[in-house]
């Protein structure tokens, strides 16, 4: 499941960075924002927030900024493919792995796009 999440994330981030005019100049700062967003979404998922509630928030965000809305929609989709756990330790581990995997995928994508072509 985590591997599918990483693959989907990398694909999404590659397409986002391909349109880097829409992104802040500081790539690592953007990766931190992605990580924080992933953490918030998975906390909500593990806390029992209905998917429809998060989707409404993503739709509202998309009206303000297409990139942010698209990011949240991707995060929500990935988060709700992972089960909601009742055990606190398992919930915390799931939240941690989710946001760290998104950060790692973002950094890898950033490194790939920063390499000189040649």
PDB file of N, CA and C in Angstrom:
ATOM      1  N   UNK A   1       0.827  -1.193   0.000  1.00  0.00           N
ATOM      2  CA  UNK A   1       0.000   0.000   0.000  1.00  0.00           C
ATOM      3  C   UNK A   1       0.873   1.260   0.000  1.00  0.00           C
ATOM      4  N   UNK A   2       1.912   1.261   0.818  1.00  0.00           N
ATOM      5  CA  UNK A   2       2.788   2.426   0.894  1.00  0.00           C
ATOM      6  C   UNK A   2       3.499   2.641  -0.442  1.00  0.00           C
ATOM      7  N   UNK A   3       3.901   1.560  -1.100  1.00  0.00           N
ATOM      8  CA  UNK A   3       4.578   1.697  -2.391  1.00  0.00           C
ATOM      9  C   UNK A   3       3.658   2.334  -3.426  1.00  0.00           C
ATOM     10  N   UNK A   4       2.377   1.948  -3.430  1.00  0.00           N
ATOM     11  CA  UNK A   4       1.417   2.555  -4.350  1.00  0.00           C
ATOM     12  C   UNK A   4       1.258   4.033  -4.037  1.00  0.00           C
ATOM     13  N   UNK A   5       1.232   4.355  -2.764  1.00  0.00           N
ATOM     14  CA  UNK A   5       1.113   5.749  -2.338  1.00  0.00           C
ATOM     15  C   UNK A   5       2.304   6.555  -2.845  1.00  0.00           C
ATOM     16  N   UNK A   6       3.498   6.011  -2.689  1.00  0.00           N
ATOM     17  CA  UNK A   6       4.694   6.722  -3.146  1.00  0.00           C
ATOM     18  C   UNK A   6       4.708   6.894  -4.654  1.00  0.00           C
ATOM     19  N   UNK A   7       4.312   5.860  -5.365  1.00  0.00           N
ATOM     20  CA  UNK A   7       4.297   5.953  -6.826  1.00  0.00           C
ATOM     21  C   UNK A   7       3.307   7.009  -7.293  1.00  0.00           C
ATOM     22  N   UNK A   8       2.139   7.021  -6.701  1.00  0.00           N
ATOM     23  CA  UNK A   8       1.133   8.021  -7.076  1.00  0.00           C
ATOM     24  C   UNK A   8       1.604   9.420  -6.709  1.00  0.00           C
ATOM     25  N   UNK A   9       2.235   9.532  -5.561  1.00  0.00           N
ATOM     26  CA  UNK A   9       2.732  10.829  -5.118  1.00  0.00           C
ATOM     27  C   UNK A   9       3.815  11.342  -6.049  1.00  0.00           C
ATOM     28  N   UNK A  10       4.750  10.483  -6.379  1.00  0.00           N
ATOM     29  CA  UNK A  10       5.834  10.903  -7.264  1.00  0.00           C
ATOM     30  C   UNK A  10       5.290  11.354  -8.607  1.00  0.00           C
ATOM     31  N   UNK A  11       4.337  10.605  -9.137  1.00  0.00           N
ATOM     32  CA  UNK A  11       3.741  10.990 -10.424  1.00  0.00           C
ATOM     33  C   UNK A  11       3.048  12.338 -10.321  1.00  0.00           C
ATOM     34  N   UNK A  12       2.315  12.545  -9.241  1.00  0.00           N
ATOM     35  CA  UNK A  12       1.616  13.813  -9.052  1.00  0.00           C
ATOM     36  C   UNK A  12       2.610  14.957  -8.899  1.00  0.00           C
ATOM     37  N   UNK A  13       3.650  14.747  -8.119  1.00  0.00           N
ATOM     38  CA  UNK A  13       4.605  15.818  -7.882  1.00  0.00           C
ATOM     39  C   UNK A  13       5.439  16.126  -9.116  1.00  0.00           C
ATOM     40  N   UNK A  14       5.752  15.113  -9.904  1.00  0.00           N
ATOM     41  CA  UNK A  14       6.487  15.362 -11.144  1.00  0.00           C
ATOM     42  C   UNK A  14       5.675  16.263 -12.053  1.00  0.00           C
ATOM     43  N   UNK A  15       4.379  15.991 -12.158  1.00  0.00           N
ATOM     44  CA  UNK A  15       3.546  16.841 -13.012  1.00  0.00           C
ATOM     45  C   UNK A  15       3.419  18.236 -12.426  1.00  0.00           C
ATOM     46  N   UNK A  16       3.396  18.346 -11.120  1.00  0.00           N
ATOM     47  CA  UNK A  16       3.310  19.658 -10.480  1.00  0.00           C
ATOM     48  C   UNK A  16       4.595  20.441 -10.713  1.00  0.00           C
ATOM     49  N   UNK A  17       5.745  19.797 -10.524  1.00  0.00           N
ATOM     50  CA  UNK A  17       7.006  20.500 -10.709  1.00  0.00           C
ATOM     51  C   UNK A  17       7.275  20.823 -12.167  1.00  0.00           C
ATOM     52  N   UNK A  18       6.657  20.086 -13.053  1.00  0.00           N
ATOM     53  CA  UNK A  18       6.794  20.416 -14.474  1.00  0.00           C
ATOM     54  C   UNK A  18       6.171  21.770 -14.779  1.00  0.00           C
ATOM     55  N   UNK A  19       5.236  22.176 -13.954  1.00  0.00           N
ATOM     56  CA  UNK A  19       4.597  23.487 -14.084  1.00  0.00           C
ATOM     57  C   UNK A  19       5.062  24.381 -12.945  1.00  0.00           C
ATOM     58  N   UNK A  20       6.366  24.441 -12.742  1.00  0.00           N
ATOM     59  CA  UNK A  20       6.924  25.085 -11.559  1.00  0.00           C
ATOM     60  C   UNK A  20       6.662  26.578 -11.479  1.00  0.00           C
ATOM     61  N   UNK A  21       6.153  27.191 -12.513  1.00  0.00           N
ATOM     62  CA  UNK A  21       5.830  28.614 -12.429  1.00  0.00           C
ATOM     63  C   UNK A  21       4.759  28.856 -11.378  1.00  0.00           C
ATOM     64  N   UNK A  22       3.961  27.836 -11.083  1.00  0.00           N
ATOM     65  CA  UNK A  22       2.895  27.972 -10.100  1.00  0.00           C
ATOM     66  C   UNK A  22       3.387  27.732  -8.675  1.00  0.00           C
ATOM     67  N   UNK A  23       4.622  27.305  -8.513  1.00  0.00           N
ATOM     68  CA  UNK A  23       5.135  26.928  -7.204  1.00  0.00           C
ATOM     69  C   UNK A  23       6.093  27.975  -6.658  1.00  0.00           C
ATOM     70  N   UNK A  24       6.212  28.015  -5.330  1.00  0.00           N
ATOM     71  CA  UNK A  24       7.214  28.900  -4.734  1.00  0.00           C
ATOM     72  C   UNK A  24       8.617  28.499  -5.183  1.00  0.00           C
ATOM     73  N   UNK A  25       9.537  29.469  -5.152  1.00  0.00           N
ATOM     74  CA  UNK A  25      10.905  29.221  -5.599  1.00  0.00           C
ATOM     75  C   UNK A  25      11.626  28.193  -4.735  1.00  0.00           C
ATOM     76  N   UNK A  26      11.357  28.187  -3.459  1.00  0.00           N
ATOM     77  CA  UNK A  26      12.073  27.304  -2.544  1.00  0.00           C
ATOM     78  C   UNK A  26      11.425  25.924  -2.531  1.00  0.00           C
ATOM     79  N   UNK A  27      12.028  24.979  -3.240  1.00  0.00           N
ATOM     80  CA  UNK A  27      11.476  23.636  -3.360  1.00  0.00           C
ATOM     81  C   UNK A  27      11.363  22.893  -2.046  1.00  0.00           C
ATOM     82  N   UNK A  28      12.378  23.019  -1.181  1.00  0.00           N
ATOM     83  CA  UNK A  28      12.305  22.315   0.099  1.00  0.00           C
ATOM     84  C   UNK A  28      11.194  22.872   0.977  1.00  0.00           C
ATOM     85  N   UNK A  29      10.968  24.167   0.890  1.00  0.00           N
ATOM     86  CA  UNK A  29       9.847  24.748   1.638  1.00  0.00           C
ATOM     87  C   UNK A  29       8.532  24.187   1.114  1.00  0.00           C
ATOM     88  N   UNK A  30       8.451  23.997  -0.192  1.00  0.00           N
ATOM     89  CA  UNK A  30       7.239  23.405  -0.772  1.00  0.00           C
ATOM     90  C   UNK A  30       7.072  21.966  -0.304  1.00  0.00           C
ATOM     91  N   UNK A  31       8.173  21.218  -0.226  1.00  0.00           N
ATOM     92  CA  UNK A  31       8.095  19.845   0.265  1.00  0.00           C
ATOM     93  C   UNK A  31       7.621  19.806   1.716  1.00  0.00           C
ATOM     94  N   UNK A  32       8.042  20.767   2.510  1.00  0.00           N
ATOM     95  CA  UNK A  32       7.577  20.852   3.893  1.00  0.00           C
ATOM     96  C   UNK A  32       6.086  21.145   3.936  1.00  0.00           C
ATOM     97  N   UNK A  33       5.613  22.016   3.047  1.00  0.00           N
ATOM     98  CA  UNK A  33       4.170  22.294   2.987  1.00  0.00           C
ATOM     99  C   UNK A  33       3.390  21.044   2.572  1.00  0.00           C
ATOM    100  N   UNK A  34       3.935  20.294   1.617  1.00  0.00           N
ATOM    101  CA  UNK A  34       3.296  19.040   1.196  1.00  0.00           C
ATOM    102  C   UNK A  34       3.242  18.081   2.381  1.00  0.00           C
ATOM    103  N   UNK A  35       4.346  17.969   3.102  1.00  0.00           N
ATOM    104  CA  UNK A  35       4.403  17.078   4.263  1.00  0.00           C
ATOM    105  C   UNK A  35       3.381  17.486   5.316  1.00  0.00           C
ATOM    106  N   UNK A  36       3.313  18.769   5.630  1.00  0.00           N
ATOM    107  CA  UNK A  36       2.362  19.243   6.637  1.00  0.00           C
ATOM    108  C   UNK A  36       0.919  19.012   6.204  1.00  0.00           C
ATOM    109  N   UNK A  37       0.657  19.198   4.923  1.00  0.00           N
ATOM    110  CA  UNK A  37      -0.687  18.952   4.398  1.00  0.00           C
ATOM    111  C   UNK A  37      -1.029  17.468   4.493  1.00  0.00           C
ATOM    112  N   UNK A  38      -0.061  16.617   4.144  1.00  0.00           N
ATOM    113  CA  UNK A  38      -0.274  15.170   4.231  1.00  0.00           C
ATOM    114  C   UNK A  38      -0.551  14.751   5.671  1.00  0.00           C
ATOM    115  N   UNK A  39       0.179  15.327   6.601  1.00  0.00           N
ATOM    116  CA  UNK A  39      -0.023  15.007   8.016  1.00  0.00           C
ATOM    117  C   UNK A  39      -1.421  15.413   8.463  1.00  0.00           C
ATOM    118  N   UNK A  40      -1.856  16.601   8.080  1.00  0.00           N
ATOM    119  CA  UNK A  40      -3.185  17.075   8.475  1.00  0.00           C
ATOM    120  C   UNK A  40      -4.288  16.198   7.892  1.00  0.00           C
ATOM    121  N   UNK A  41      -4.130  15.814   6.631  1.00  0.00           N
ATOM    122  CA  UNK A  41      -5.145  14.977   5.983  1.00  0.00           C
ATOM    123  C   UNK A  41      -5.207  13.601   6.647  1.00  0.00           C
ATOM    124  N   UNK A  42      -4.049  12.991   6.906  1.00  0.00           N
ATOM    125  CA  UNK A  42      -4.074  11.662   7.514  1.00  0.00           C
ATOM    126  C   UNK A  42      -4.548  11.721   8.961  1.00  0.00           C
ATOM    127  N   UNK A  43      -4.233  12.787   9.682  1.00  0.00           N
ATOM    128  CA  UNK A  43      -4.763  12.936  11.042  1.00  0.00           C
ATOM    129  C   UNK A  43      -6.285  12.992  10.999  1.00  0.00           C
ATOM    130  N   UNK A  44      -6.808  13.736  10.045  1.00  0.00           N
ATOM    131  CA  UNK A  44      -8.262  13.827   9.899  1.00  0.00           C
ATOM    132  C   UNK A  44      -8.841  12.456   9.556  1.00  0.00           C
ATOM    133  N   UNK A  45      -8.189  11.751   8.640  1.00  0.00           N
ATOM    134  CA  UNK A  45      -8.659  10.424   8.228  1.00  0.00           C
ATOM    135  C   UNK A  45      -8.667   9.473   9.423  1.00  0.00           C
ATOM    136  N   UNK A  46      -7.560   9.438  10.161  1.00  0.00           N
ATOM    137  CA  UNK A  46      -7.465   8.544  11.311  1.00  0.00           C
ATOM    138  C   UNK A  46      -8.377   8.994  12.455  1.00  0.00           C
ATOM    139  N   UNK A  47      -8.727  10.270  12.471  1.00  0.00           N
ATOM    140  CA  UNK A  47      -9.635  10.791  13.490  1.00  0.00           C
ATOM    141  C   UNK A  47     -11.104  10.593  13.159  1.00  0.00           C
ATOM    142  N   UNK A  48     -11.385  10.016  11.990  1.00  0.00           N
ATOM    143  CA  UNK A  48     -12.761   9.705  11.639  1.00  0.00           C
ATOM    144  C   UNK A  48     -13.511  10.786  10.886  1.00  0.00           C
ATOM    145  N   UNK A  49     -12.809  11.789  10.394  1.00  0.00           N
ATOM    146  CA  UNK A  49     -13.468  12.838   9.610  1.00  0.00           C
ATOM    147  C   UNK A  49     -13.969  12.212   8.308  1.00  0.00           C
ATOM    148  N   UNK A  50     -15.238  12.429   7.963  1.00  0.00           N
ATOM    149  CA  UNK A  50     -15.763  11.853   6.720  1.00  0.00           C
ATOM    150  C   UNK A  50     -15.030  12.399   5.493  1.00  0.00           C
ATOM    151  N   UNK A  51     -14.828  11.537   4.505  1.00  0.00           N
ATOM    152  CA  UNK A  51     -14.134  11.934   3.286  1.00  0.00           C
ATOM    153  C   UNK A  51     -14.844  13.110   2.622  1.00  0.00           C
ATOM    154  N   UNK A  52     -16.164  13.140   2.675  1.00  0.00           N
ATOM    155  CA  UNK A  52     -16.919  14.230   2.037  1.00  0.00           C
ATOM    156  C   UNK A  52     -16.557  15.584   2.639  1.00  0.00           C
ATOM    157  N   UNK A  53     -16.287  15.621   3.921  1.00  0.00           N
ATOM    158  CA  UNK A  53     -15.902  16.874   4.579  1.00  0.00           C
ATOM    159  C   UNK A  53     -14.576  17.379   4.030  1.00  0.00           C
ATOM    160  N   UNK A  54     -13.608  16.488   3.915  1.00  0.00           N
ATOM    161  CA  UNK A  54     -12.304  16.887   3.380  1.00  0.00           C
ATOM    162  C   UNK A  54     -12.401  17.252   1.905  1.00  0.00           C
ATOM    163  N   UNK A  55     -13.226  16.534   1.162  1.00  0.00           N
ATOM    164  CA  UNK A  55     -13.394  16.858  -0.259  1.00  0.00           C
ATOM    165  C   UNK A  55     -13.991  18.250  -0.445  1.00  0.00           C
ATOM    166  N   UNK A  56     -14.914  18.634   0.428  1.00  0.00           N
ATOM    167  CA  UNK A  56     -15.478  19.989   0.367  1.00  0.00           C
ATOM    168  C   UNK A  56     -14.395  21.028   0.623  1.00  0.00           C
ATOM    169  N   UNK A  57     -13.522  20.752   1.571  1.00  0.00           N
ATOM    170  CA  UNK A  57     -12.422  21.671   1.860  1.00  0.00           C
ATOM    171  C   UNK A  57     -11.472  21.765   0.668  1.00  0.00           C
ATOM    172  N   UNK A  58     -11.196  20.634   0.027  1.00  0.00           N
ATOM    173  CA  UNK A  58     -10.316  20.630  -1.149  1.00  0.00           C
ATOM    174  C   UNK A  58     -10.946  21.417  -2.294  1.00  0.00           C
ATOM    175  N   UNK A  59     -12.247  21.258  -2.482  1.00  0.00           N
ATOM    176  CA  UNK A  59     -12.946  22.011  -3.532  1.00  0.00           C
ATOM    177  C   UNK A  59     -12.858  23.513  -3.275  1.00  0.00           C
ATOM    178  N   UNK A  60     -13.036  23.907  -2.012  1.00  0.00           N
ATOM    179  CA  UNK A  60     -12.940  25.327  -1.660  1.00  0.00           C
ATOM    180  C   UNK A  60     -11.518  25.839  -1.882  1.00  0.00           C
ATOM    181  N   UNK A  61     -10.526  25.041  -1.514  1.00  0.00           N
ATOM    182  CA  UNK A  61      -9.125  25.434  -1.711  1.00  0.00           C
ATOM    183  C   UNK A  61      -8.807  25.562  -3.195  1.00  0.00           C
ATOM    184  N   UNK A  62      -9.386  24.672  -3.997  1.00  0.00           N
ATOM    185  CA  UNK A  62      -9.112  24.689  -5.435  1.00  0.00           C
ATOM    186  C   UNK A  62      -9.635  25.963  -6.095  1.00  0.00           C
ATOM    187  N   UNK A  63     -10.695  26.526  -5.549  1.00  0.00           N
ATOM    188  CA  UNK A  63     -11.226  27.785  -6.088  1.00  0.00           C
ATOM    189  C   UNK A  63     -10.240  28.926  -5.866  1.00  0.00           C
ATOM    190  N   UNK A  64      -9.475  28.833  -4.793  1.00  0.00           N
ATOM    191  CA  UNK A  64      -8.471  29.851  -4.478  1.00  0.00           C
ATOM    192  C   UNK A  64      -7.157  29.595  -5.210  1.00  0.00           C
ATOM    193  N   UNK A  65      -6.785  28.312  -5.303  1.00  0.00           N
ATOM    194  CA  UNK A  65      -5.500  27.947  -5.895  1.00  0.00           C
ATOM    195  C   UNK A  65      -5.606  26.524  -6.433  1.00  0.00           C
ATOM    196  N   UNK A  66      -5.509  26.385  -7.736  1.00  0.00           N
ATOM    197  CA  UNK A  66      -5.685  25.077  -8.376  1.00  0.00           C
ATOM    198  C   UNK A  66      -4.667  24.056  -7.881  1.00  0.00           C
ATOM    199  N   UNK A  67      -3.422  24.489  -7.701  1.00  0.00           N
ATOM    200  CA  UNK A  67      -2.375  23.585  -7.221  1.00  0.00           C
ATOM    201  C   UNK A  67      -2.712  23.043  -5.835  1.00  0.00           C
ATOM    202  N   UNK A  68      -3.093  23.926  -4.922  1.00  0.00           N
ATOM    203  CA  UNK A  68      -3.398  23.508  -3.552  1.00  0.00           C
ATOM    204  C   UNK A  68      -4.597  22.561  -3.539  1.00  0.00           C
ATOM    205  N   UNK A  69      -5.630  22.906  -4.281  1.00  0.00           N
ATOM    206  CA  UNK A  69      -6.801  22.041  -4.346  1.00  0.00           C
ATOM    207  C   UNK A  69      -6.466  20.667  -4.898  1.00  0.00           C
ATOM    208  N   UNK A  70      -5.659  20.633  -5.956  1.00  0.00           N
ATOM    209  CA  UNK A  70      -5.252  19.357  -6.545  1.00  0.00           C
ATOM    210  C   UNK A  70      -4.406  18.534  -5.595  1.00  0.00           C
ATOM    211  N   UNK A  71      -3.513  19.210  -4.876  1.00  0.00           N
ATOM    212  CA  UNK A  71      -2.684  18.525  -3.890  1.00  0.00           C
ATOM    213  C   UNK A  71      -3.561  17.879  -2.829  1.00  0.00           C
ATOM    214  N   UNK A  72      -4.501  18.647  -2.278  1.00  0.00           N
ATOM    215  CA  UNK A  72      -5.375  18.098  -1.239  1.00  0.00           C
ATOM    216  C   UNK A  72      -6.217  16.943  -1.766  1.00  0.00           C
ATOM    217  N   UNK A  73      -6.691  17.033  -2.990  1.00  0.00           N
ATOM    218  CA  UNK A  73      -7.482  15.929  -3.552  1.00  0.00           C
ATOM    219  C   UNK A  73      -6.646  14.660  -3.658  1.00  0.00           C
ATOM    220  N   UNK A  74      -5.390  14.798  -4.061  1.00  0.00           N
ATOM    221  CA  UNK A  74      -4.494  13.642  -4.138  1.00  0.00           C
ATOM    222  C   UNK A  74      -4.240  13.066  -2.752  1.00  0.00           C
ATOM    223  N   UNK A  75      -3.961  13.934  -1.790  1.00  0.00           N
ATOM    224  CA  UNK A  75      -3.713  13.479  -0.422  1.00  0.00           C
ATOM    225  C   UNK A  75      -4.927  12.762   0.150  1.00  0.00           C
ATOM    226  N   UNK A  76      -6.098  13.316  -0.076  1.00  0.00           N
ATOM    227  CA  UNK A  76      -7.336  12.718   0.441  1.00  0.00           C
ATOM    228  C   UNK A  76      -7.553  11.341  -0.174  1.00  0.00           C
ATOM    229  N   UNK A  77      -7.391  11.254  -1.482  1.00  0.00           N
ATOM    230  CA  UNK A  77      -7.573   9.968  -2.158  1.00  0.00           C
ATOM    231  C   UNK A  77      -6.630   8.922  -1.571  1.00  0.00           C
ATOM    232  N   UNK A  78      -5.366   9.286  -1.417  1.00  0.00           N
ATOM    233  CA  UNK A  78      -4.384   8.340  -0.885  1.00  0.00           C
ATOM    234  C   UNK A  78      -4.682   7.990   0.575  1.00  0.00           C
ATOM    235  N   UNK A  79      -5.058   8.976   1.370  1.00  0.00           N
ATOM    236  CA  UNK A  79      -5.313   8.739   2.795  1.00  0.00           C
ATOM    237  C   UNK A  79      -6.482   7.786   3.010  1.00  0.00           C
ATOM    238  N   UNK A  80      -7.510   7.928   2.200  1.00  0.00           N
ATOM    239  CA  UNK A  80      -8.696   7.101   2.403  1.00  0.00           C
ATOM    240  C   UNK A  80      -8.570   5.717   1.778  1.00  0.00           C
ATOM    241  N   UNK A  81      -7.448   5.424   1.135  1.00  0.00           N
ATOM    242  CA  UNK A  81      -7.144   4.059   0.709  1.00  0.00           C
ATOM    243  C   UNK A  81      -6.498   3.271   1.847  1.00  0.00           C
ATOM    244  N   UNK A  82      -6.100   3.969   2.884  1.00  0.00           N
ATOM    245  CA  UNK A  82      -5.467   3.348   4.048  1.00  0.00           C
ATOM    246  C   UNK A  82      -6.528   3.204   5.135  1.00  0.00           C
ATOM    247  N   UNK A  83      -6.577   2.049   5.802  1.00  0.00           N
ATOM    248  CA  UNK A  83      -7.607   1.843   6.829  1.00  0.00           C
ATOM    249  C   UNK A  83      -7.485   2.834   7.988  1.00  0.00           C
ATOM    250  N   UNK A  84      -8.615   3.055   8.630  1.00  0.00           N
ATOM    251  CA  UNK A  84      -8.640   3.850   9.859  1.00  0.00           C
ATOM    252  C   UNK A  84      -8.395   2.874  11.010  1.00  0.00           C
ATOM    253  N   UNK A  85      -7.424   3.178  11.849  1.00  0.00           N
ATOM    254  CA  UNK A  85      -7.059   2.284  12.940  1.00  0.00           C
ATOM    255  C   UNK A  85      -7.580   2.813  14.268  1.00  0.00           C
ATOM    256  N   UNK A  86      -7.997   1.882  15.129  1.00  0.00           N
ATOM    257  CA  UNK A  86      -8.468   2.244  16.463  1.00  0.00           C
ATOM    258  C   UNK A  86      -7.310   2.318  17.462  1.00  0.00           C
ATOM    259  N   UNK A  87      -6.293   1.502  17.223  1.00  0.00           N
ATOM    260  CA  UNK A  87      -5.129   1.461  18.098  1.00  0.00           C
ATOM    261  C   UNK A  87      -4.304   2.742  17.920  1.00  0.00           C
ATOM    262  N   UNK A  88      -4.069   3.457  19.014  1.00  0.00           N
ATOM    263  CA  UNK A  88      -3.375   4.745  18.944  1.00  0.00           C
ATOM    264  C   UNK A  88      -1.962   4.625  18.376  1.00  0.00           C
ATOM    265  N   UNK A  89      -1.246   3.596  18.752  1.00  0.00           N
ATOM    266  CA  UNK A  89       0.120   3.409  18.256  1.00  0.00           C
ATOM    267  C   UNK A  89       0.103   3.202  16.741  1.00  0.00           C
ATOM    268  N   UNK A  90      -0.815   2.387  16.278  1.00  0.00           N
ATOM    269  CA  UNK A  90      -0.921   2.130  14.837  1.00  0.00           C
ATOM    270  C   UNK A  90      -1.351   3.393  14.091  1.00  0.00           C
ATOM    271  N   UNK A  91      -2.276   4.161  14.675  1.00  0.00           N
ATOM    272  CA  UNK A  91      -2.701   5.436  14.061  1.00  0.00           C
ATOM    273  C   UNK A  91      -1.520   6.379  13.931  1.00  0.00           C
ATOM    274  N   UNK A  92      -0.782   6.545  15.020  1.00  0.00           N
ATOM    275  CA  UNK A  92       0.362   7.464  15.009  1.00  0.00           C
ATOM    276  C   UNK A  92       1.415   7.034  13.993  1.00  0.00           C
ATOM    277  N   UNK A  93       1.674   5.732  13.917  1.00  0.00           N
ATOM    278  CA  UNK A  93       2.650   5.220  12.952  1.00  0.00           C
ATOM    279  C   UNK A  93       2.165   5.469  11.528  1.00  0.00           C
ATOM    280  N   UNK A  94       0.885   5.265  11.288  1.00  0.00           N
ATOM    281  CA  UNK A  94       0.313   5.477   9.955  1.00  0.00           C
ATOM    282  C   UNK A  94       0.414   6.942   9.552  1.00  0.00           C
ATOM    283  N   UNK A  95       0.094   7.834  10.468  1.00  0.00           N
ATOM    284  CA  UNK A  95       0.186   9.273  10.194  1.00  0.00           C
ATOM    285  C   UNK A  95       1.632   9.645   9.872  1.00  0.00           C
ATOM    286  N   UNK A  96       2.559   9.172  10.699  1.00  0.00           N
ATOM    287  CA  UNK A  96       3.976   9.483  10.506  1.00  0.00           C
ATOM    288  C   UNK A  96       4.472   8.976   9.150  1.00  0.00           C
ATOM    289  N   UNK A  97       4.202   7.713   8.850  1.00  0.00           N
ATOM    290  CA  UNK A  97       4.670   7.144   7.582  1.00  0.00           C
ATOM    291  C   UNK A  97       4.063   7.874   6.388  1.00  0.00           C
ATOM    292  N   UNK A  98       2.804   8.234   6.487  1.00  0.00           N
ATOM    293  CA  UNK A  98       2.118   8.906   5.387  1.00  0.00           C
ATOM    294  C   UNK A  98       2.784  10.240   5.072  1.00  0.00           C
ATOM    295  N   UNK A  99       2.956  11.082   6.085  1.00  0.00           N
ATOM    296  CA  UNK A  99       3.524  12.402   5.782  1.00  0.00           C
ATOM    297  C   UNK A  99       5.009  12.328   5.450  1.00  0.00           C
ATOM    298  N   UNK A 100       5.748  11.423   6.049  1.00  0.00           N
ATOM    299  CA  UNK A 100       7.170  11.292   5.713  1.00  0.00           C
ATOM    300  C   UNK A 100       7.356  10.753   4.295  1.00  0.00           C
ATOM    301  N   UNK A 101       6.495   9.836   3.874  1.00  0.00           N
ATOM    302  CA  UNK A 101       6.581   9.319   2.503  1.00  0.00           C
ATOM    303  C   UNK A 101       6.285  10.408   1.480  1.00  0.00           C
ATOM    304  N   UNK A 102       5.322  11.261   1.767  1.00  0.00           N
ATOM    305  CA  UNK A 102       5.031  12.354   0.845  1.00  0.00           C
ATOM    306  C   UNK A 102       6.200  13.336   0.792  1.00  0.00           C
ATOM    307  N   UNK A 103       6.809  13.619   1.935  1.00  0.00           N
ATOM    308  CA  UNK A 103       7.969  14.512   1.951  1.00  0.00           C
ATOM    309  C   UNK A 103       9.110  13.903   1.134  1.00  0.00           C
ATOM    310  N   UNK A 104       9.390  12.627   1.366  1.00  0.00           N
ATOM    311  CA  UNK A 104      10.488  11.956   0.656  1.00  0.00           C
ATOM    312  C   UNK A 104      10.249  11.956  -0.853  1.00  0.00           C
ATOM    313  N   UNK A 105       9.023  11.673  -1.267  1.00  0.00           N
ATOM    314  CA  UNK A 105       8.711  11.672  -2.699  1.00  0.00           C
ATOM    315  C   UNK A 105       8.891  13.060  -3.294  1.00  0.00           C
ATOM    316  N   UNK A 106       8.521  14.076  -2.548  1.00  0.00           N
ATOM    317  CA  UNK A 106       8.678  15.452  -3.007  1.00  0.00           C
ATOM    318  C   UNK A 106      10.156  15.796  -3.174  1.00  0.00           C
ATOM    319  N   UNK A 107      10.975  15.435  -2.205  1.00  0.00           N
ATOM    320  CA  UNK A 107      12.410  15.732  -2.273  1.00  0.00           C
ATOM    321  C   UNK A 107      13.055  15.006  -3.451  1.00  0.00           C
ATOM    322  N   UNK A 108      12.707  13.746  -3.658  1.00  0.00           N
ATOM    323  CA  UNK A 108      13.254  12.996  -4.793  1.00  0.00           C
ATOM    324  C   UNK A 108      12.871  13.682  -6.098  1.00  0.00           C
ATOM    325  N   UNK A 109      11.629  14.094  -6.203  1.00  0.00           N
ATOM    326  CA  UNK A 109      11.169  14.784  -7.409  1.00  0.00           C
ATOM    327  C   UNK A 109      11.921  16.092  -7.592  1.00  0.00           C
ATOM    328  N   UNK A 110      12.117  16.816  -6.519  1.00  0.00           N
ATOM    329  CA  UNK A 110      12.850  18.077  -6.564  1.00  0.00           C
ATOM    330  C   UNK A 110      14.280  17.849  -7.049  1.00  0.00           C
ATOM    331  N   UNK A 111      14.920  16.816  -6.518  1.00  0.00           N
ATOM    332  CA  UNK A 111      16.290  16.502  -6.934  1.00  0.00           C
ATOM    333  C   UNK A 111      16.350  16.144  -8.414  1.00  0.00           C
ATOM    334  N   UNK A 112      15.396  15.381  -8.884  1.00  0.00           N
ATOM    335  CA  UNK A 112      15.379  14.988 -10.301  1.00  0.00           C
ATOM    336  C   UNK A 112      15.177  16.190 -11.210  1.00  0.00           C
ATOM    337  N   UNK A 113      14.325  17.102 -10.813  1.00  0.00           N
ATOM    338  CA  UNK A 113      14.061  18.266 -11.658  1.00  0.00           C
ATOM    339  C   UNK A 113      15.184  19.284 -11.581  1.00  0.00           C
ATOM    340  N   UNK A 114      16.005  19.222 -10.527  1.00  0.00           N
ATOM    341  CA  UNK A 114      17.103  20.179 -10.367  1.00  0.00           C
ATOM    342  C   UNK A 114      18.360  19.745 -11.114  1.00  0.00           C
ATOM    343  N   UNK A 115      18.433  18.490 -11.507  1.00  0.00           N
ATOM    344  CA  UNK A 115      19.620  17.997 -12.220  1.00  0.00           C
ATOM    345  C   UNK A 115      19.727  18.668 -13.580  1.00  0.00           C
ATOM    346  N   UNK A 116      20.940  19.081 -13.929  1.00  0.00           N
ATOM    347  CA  UNK A 116      21.118  19.682 -15.257  1.00  0.00           C
ATOM    348  C   UNK A 116      20.884  18.650 -16.349  1.00  0.00           C
ATOM    349  N   UNK A 117      20.263  19.093 -17.389  1.00  0.00           N
ATOM    350  CA  UNK A 117      19.997  18.207 -18.529  1.00  0.00           C
ATOM    351  C   UNK A 117      21.261  18.137 -19.380  1.00  0.00           C
ATOM    352  N   UNK A 118      21.542  16.976 -19.889  1.00  0.00           N
ATOM    353  CA  UNK A 118      22.725  16.906 -20.725  1.00  0.00           C
ATOM    354  C   UNK A 118      23.089  15.579 -21.049  1.00  0.00           C
TER     355      UNK A 118
END
